[in-house]
Amino acid sequence: MKLKLSNPYYHIVFWLVVVSLLTLVFSRSWGSGINTFFFIIMLLPVVMGTSYLFNFYLVPKYLLSKKYGWFALYFFYLLVISLYLQMWILMFSFMYLANFNLAEMGPNSTDDVVLLAIVMYMVVFAGSFLITVQQLSEHQKQIDWFMDEKKKNEQAKLELISNRQVVLIPHDDILFIESLSDYIRVHCEKLGKVTSKEKISTIAEALPERFVRIHRSFVVNANKVTKVTANEVYLDDIRLNIGRTYKKEVANILKTN
């Protein structure tokens, strides 16, 4: 499962808040909100580029893949390039600010410029750390999900109690499962119909991903589906209705099967 950027509006709001807060804080010591805002905007593309390359390229491609050596090497390169660009921005900013009487901005203005650059990176890498922790958590969830699916597929049989006997139904033999209040009826190609006192939600969780809930009363084996329309799923001559709340999932899974 590929790591993706979250809602873009979240990123826009995040960077706007960072720029606004830093402008507000440092403009007091600089004595010029315009010059402070100018420097932050100049530095922002480098900081954003560093942040996104780190979080959405280096972390998923190398850190999460346990290629720690490559991760450390490319992170070092990224940091060097980022600091090099930052140095040029600092030099350009000093020249710009000097034309606007840097001396009038206070005796510590030069130190404040460097401090502002450091603070921006601290904010970004603090956010990067949180994102990395989240990505590691999501990655672990993916591993757990794949292991669970592997376990379900290795079992390859559905175990039910029917007529006080244990019945093992091969997954490949199941066409669909029908809910009958507190009972379920498993429709099979070879075994016919098997009834058991189970809940369909419990059975659906115990089956591999290819078994898709299409209705509150039906779970179908996606491998047996021969046709899908807007409102029905076909298993050869069997037609099953698609529940309104399940249409999106059916469209995403069955139509791409």
Protein backbone atom coordinates (compact mmCIF):
# COMPACT_ATOMS: atom_id res chain seq x y z
CA MET A 1 0.00 0.00 0.00
CA LYS A 2 1.61 3.22 -1.11
CA LEU A 3 1.99 6.13 1.29
CA LYS A 4 0.22 9.19 0.01
CA LEU A 5 -0.11 12.83 0.84
CA SER A 6 -3.02 13.51 3.16
CA ASN A 7 -5.70 16.09 2.42
CA PRO A 8 -3.95 18.96 0.57
CA TYR A 9 -5.97 21.51 2.52
CA TYR A 10 -4.26 20.30 5.69
CA HIS A 11 -0.85 21.08 4.17
CA ILE A 12 -1.96 24.51 2.99
CA VAL A 13 -3.32 25.40 6.43
CA PHE A 14 -0.20 24.03 8.13
CA TRP A 15 2.20 26.18 6.11
CA LEU A 16 0.01 29.26 6.39
CA VAL A 17 -0.02 28.87 10.17
CA VAL A 18 3.77 28.41 10.26
CA VAL A 19 4.36 31.52 8.13
CA SER A 20 1.85 33.60 10.11
CA LEU A 21 3.21 32.64 13.53
CA LEU A 22 6.86 33.13 12.59
CA THR A 23 6.10 36.48 10.94
CA LEU A 24 4.24 37.63 14.05
CA VAL A 25 6.95 36.50 16.47
CA PHE A 26 10.06 37.69 14.60
CA SER A 27 8.62 40.95 13.25
CA ARG A 28 8.64 42.29 16.82
CA SER A 29 12.42 41.94 17.16
CA TRP A 30 13.12 42.88 13.53
CA GLY A 31 10.88 45.92 13.66
CA SER A 32 9.61 45.18 10.16
CA GLY A 33 6.86 42.71 9.40
CA ILE A 34 7.37 43.13 5.64
CA ASN A 35 11.05 42.17 5.76
CA THR A 36 10.31 39.26 8.08
CA PHE A 37 7.55 37.98 5.79
CA PHE A 38 9.84 38.40 2.76
CA PHE A 39 12.60 36.30 4.32
CA ILE A 40 10.18 33.55 5.41
CA ILE A 41 8.66 33.35 1.92
CA MET A 42 12.17 33.18 0.42
CA LEU A 43 13.15 30.33 2.71
CA LEU A 44 9.84 28.46 2.62
CA PRO A 45 10.30 26.59 -0.73
CA VAL A 46 13.60 25.09 0.48
CA VAL A 47 12.09 24.07 3.80
CA MET A 48 8.98 22.61 2.14
CA GLY A 49 11.05 20.73 -0.43
CA THR A 50 13.24 19.26 2.31
CA SER A 51 10.20 18.26 4.33
CA TYR A 52 8.32 16.55 1.50
CA LEU A 53 11.38 14.78 0.06
CA PHE A 54 12.17 13.49 3.52
CA ASN A 55 8.66 12.39 4.47
CA PHE A 56 7.23 11.15 1.18
CA TYR A 57 10.32 9.82 -0.59
CA LEU A 58 13.17 8.93 1.76
CA VAL A 59 11.00 7.55 4.57
CA PRO A 60 8.72 5.24 2.52
CA LYS A 61 11.39 4.16 0.00
CA TYR A 62 14.32 3.57 2.33
CA LEU A 63 13.43 3.82 6.03
CA LEU A 64 10.23 1.77 5.88
CA SER A 65 11.96 -0.69 3.55
CA LYS A 66 14.69 -1.10 6.19
CA LYS A 67 17.40 0.24 3.89
CA TYR A 68 18.92 2.20 6.72
CA GLY A 69 22.32 2.77 5.11
CA TRP A 70 20.82 4.29 1.97
CA PHE A 71 18.39 6.30 4.07
CA ALA A 72 21.22 7.82 6.14
CA LEU A 73 23.27 8.56 3.01
CA TYR A 74 20.46 10.26 1.07
CA PHE A 75 19.30 12.12 4.14
CA PHE A 76 22.84 13.52 4.52
CA TYR A 77 22.82 14.59 0.85
CA LEU A 78 19.39 16.19 1.29
CA LEU A 79 20.53 18.09 4.36
CA VAL A 80 23.71 19.36 2.66
CA ILE A 81 21.82 20.56 -0.42
CA SER A 82 19.13 22.14 1.73
CA LEU A 83 21.66 24.00 3.88
CA TYR A 84 23.55 25.11 0.77
CA LEU A 85 20.38 26.62 -0.69
CA GLN A 86 19.56 28.16 2.66
CA MET A 87 23.01 29.81 2.73
CA TRP A 88 22.37 31.45 -0.65
CA ILE A 89 18.97 32.65 0.52
CA LEU A 90 20.55 34.11 3.65
CA MET A 91 23.15 35.97 1.58
CA PHE A 92 20.51 37.31 -0.79
CA SER A 93 18.30 38.29 2.14
CA PHE A 94 21.12 40.19 3.83
CA MET A 95 21.70 42.12 0.62
CA TYR A 96 18.00 42.86 0.31
CA LEU A 97 17.60 43.85 3.93
CA ALA A 98 20.71 46.04 3.80
CA ASN A 99 19.03 48.12 1.12
CA PHE A 100 16.25 48.71 3.59
CA ASN A 101 18.51 49.87 6.41
CA LEU A 102 19.25 46.67 8.28
CA ALA A 103 20.74 48.75 11.12
CA GLU A 104 17.33 50.18 11.89
CA MET A 105 15.94 46.73 12.54
CA GLY A 106 17.87 46.35 15.78
CA PRO A 107 21.35 45.24 16.87
CA ASN A 108 20.50 41.52 16.79
CA SER A 109 18.87 41.42 13.35
CA THR A 110 21.60 39.26 11.79
CA ASP A 111 21.36 36.73 14.59
CA ASP A 112 17.57 36.82 14.28
CA VAL A 113 17.75 35.92 10.58
CA VAL A 114 19.84 32.84 11.34
CA LEU A 115 17.63 32.00 14.32
CA LEU A 116 14.51 32.27 12.17
CA ALA A 117 15.98 29.84 9.63
CA ILE A 118 16.84 27.40 12.43
CA VAL A 119 13.38 27.73 13.98
CA MET A 120 11.70 27.02 10.62
CA TYR A 121 13.70 23.83 10.25
CA MET A 122 12.94 22.83 13.82
CA VAL A 123 9.22 23.28 13.19
CA VAL A 124 9.38 21.28 9.98
CA PHE A 125 11.43 18.41 11.37
CA ALA A 126 9.23 18.26 14.46
CA GLY A 127 6.29 17.83 12.05
CA SER A 128 8.37 15.36 10.04
CA PHE A 129 8.95 13.27 13.14
CA LEU A 130 5.21 13.10 13.84
CA ILE A 131 4.48 12.18 10.22
CA THR A 132 7.19 9.51 10.30
CA VAL A 133 5.71 7.99 13.45
CA GLN A 134 2.29 7.97 11.77
CA GLN A 135 3.71 6.36 8.62
CA LEU A 136 5.51 3.69 10.64
CA SER A 137 2.24 2.96 12.43
CA GLU A 138 0.37 2.71 9.11
CA HIS A 139 3.13 0.51 7.70
CA GLN A 140 2.81 -1.84 10.67
CA LYS A 141 -0.95 -1.97 10.19
CA GLN A 142 -0.36 -2.94 6.55
CA ILE A 143 1.98 -5.73 7.62
CA ASP A 144 -0.57 -6.98 10.17
CA TRP A 145 -3.30 -6.85 7.51
CA PHE A 146 -1.23 -8.84 4.99
CA MET A 147 -0.30 -11.40 7.65
CA ASP A 148 -3.96 -11.76 8.59
CA GLU A 149 -4.92 -12.22 4.93
CA LYS A 150 -2.14 -14.77 4.48
CA LYS A 151 -3.38 -16.70 7.50
CA LYS A 152 -6.95 -16.67 6.18
CA ASN A 153 -5.82 -17.88 2.76
CA GLU A 154 -3.61 -20.60 4.24
CA GLN A 155 -6.60 -22.01 6.12
CA ALA A 156 -8.53 -22.03 2.82
CA LYS A 157 -11.57 -23.51 4.54
CA LEU A 158 -14.54 -22.08 6.40
CA GLU A 159 -15.32 -24.02 9.58
CA LEU A 160 -18.98 -24.10 10.62
CA ILE A 161 -21.24 -26.05 12.94
CA SER A 162 -24.18 -27.40 10.97
CA ASN A 163 -26.66 -29.95 12.38
CA ARG A 164 -24.36 -30.38 15.39
CA GLN A 165 -21.49 -31.38 13.17
CA VAL A 166 -18.31 -29.59 12.16
CA VAL A 167 -18.37 -28.79 8.46
CA LEU A 168 -15.25 -27.59 6.60
CA ILE A 169 -16.12 -25.72 3.44
CA PRO A 170 -13.29 -24.94 0.98
CA HIS A 171 -13.23 -21.23 0.15
CA ASP A 172 -13.13 -22.01 -3.57
CA ASP A 173 -16.40 -23.94 -3.25
CA ILE A 174 -18.34 -20.97 -1.80
CA LEU A 175 -20.51 -18.97 -4.19
CA PHE A 176 -22.11 -16.63 -1.68
CA ILE A 177 -23.30 -16.46 1.90
CA GLU A 178 -26.83 -15.45 2.78
CA SER A 179 -27.98 -14.05 6.11
CA LEU A 180 -31.18 -15.44 7.62
CA SER A 181 -31.58 -13.44 10.84
CA ASP A 182 -29.49 -15.39 13.40
CA TYR A 183 -28.55 -17.99 10.82
CA ILE A 184 -26.51 -18.03 7.65
CA ARG A 185 -26.80 -20.19 4.58
CA VAL A 186 -23.63 -20.89 2.62
CA HIS A 187 -24.34 -21.59 -1.03
CA CYS A 188 -21.66 -23.87 -2.47
CA GLU A 189 -20.95 -25.31 -5.90
CA LYS A 190 -20.30 -28.85 -4.66
CA LEU A 191 -21.60 -29.06 -1.10
CA GLY A 192 -24.88 -27.37 -1.92
CA LYS A 193 -26.42 -25.33 0.90
CA VAL A 194 -24.98 -25.39 4.41
CA THR A 195 -26.88 -23.70 7.24
CA SER A 196 -25.27 -22.61 10.49
CA LYS A 197 -26.18 -20.46 13.49
CA GLU A 198 -23.72 -17.65 12.88
CA LYS A 199 -23.84 -13.95 12.12
CA ILE A 200 -22.88 -12.92 8.63
CA SER A 201 -20.68 -10.09 9.96
CA THR A 202 -18.62 -12.57 12.00
CA ILE A 203 -18.19 -14.87 9.01
CA ALA A 204 -17.25 -11.98 6.70
CA GLU A 205 -14.40 -10.98 9.03
CA ALA A 206 -13.07 -14.55 9.08
CA LEU A 207 -12.90 -14.80 5.29
CA PRO A 208 -10.18 -13.47 2.95
CA GLU A 209 -10.53 -10.14 1.14
CA ARG A 210 -11.96 -11.72 -2.00
CA PHE A 211 -15.22 -12.29 -0.11
CA VAL A 212 -17.08 -9.00 -0.48
CA ARG A 213 -20.09 -7.75 1.46
CA ILE A 214 -22.53 -6.46 -1.16
CA HIS A 215 -25.65 -6.29 1.01
CA ARG A 216 -26.46 -6.64 4.69
CA SER A 217 -27.74 -10.11 3.73
CA PHE A 218 -25.10 -11.19 1.19
CA VAL A 219 -21.36 -11.86 1.02
CA VAL A 220 -20.11 -13.03 -2.37
CA ASN A 221 -16.95 -14.76 -3.53
CA ALA A 222 -15.47 -12.24 -5.96
CA ASN A 223 -13.80 -15.07 -7.89
CA LYS A 224 -17.24 -16.43 -8.77
CA VAL A 225 -18.76 -13.15 -9.95
CA THR A 226 -19.49 -13.15 -13.68
CA LYS A 227 -21.12 -9.74 -14.04
CA VAL A 228 -21.70 -6.55 -12.06
CA THR A 229 -24.31 -3.89 -12.79
CA ALA A 230 -25.29 -0.76 -10.88
CA ASN A 231 -27.76 -2.68 -8.71
CA GLU A 232 -26.97 -6.39 -9.05
CA VAL A 233 -24.18 -8.94 -8.88
CA TYR A 234 -24.36 -12.02 -11.09
CA LEU A 235 -22.92 -15.45 -10.34
CA ASP A 236 -23.83 -17.12 -13.65
CA ASP A 237 -27.65 -17.36 -13.42
CA ILE A 238 -27.82 -16.21 -9.78
CA ARG A 239 -28.68 -12.53 -9.25
CA LEU A 240 -28.10 -10.77 -5.95
CA ASN A 241 -29.09 -7.21 -5.08
CA ILE A 242 -26.44 -4.68 -4.09
CA GLY A 243 -27.28 -2.75 -0.93
CA ARG A 244 -27.31 1.01 -1.24
CA THR A 245 -24.62 1.49 1.40
CA TYR A 246 -22.35 -1.10 -0.27
CA LYS A 247 -22.43 0.21 -3.84
CA LYS A 248 -19.20 2.19 -3.57
CA GLU A 249 -17.24 -0.78 -2.18
CA VAL A 250 -18.69 -3.10 -4.82
CA ALA A 251 -17.69 -0.65 -7.57
CA ASN A 252 -14.15 -0.35 -6.20
CA ILE A 253 -13.53 -4.07 -5.65
CA LEU A 254 -15.70 -6.21 -7.89
CA LYS A 255 -15.53 -4.11 -11.06
CA THR A 256 -11.73 -4.22 -10.97
CA ASN A 257 -11.62 -7.94 -10.26
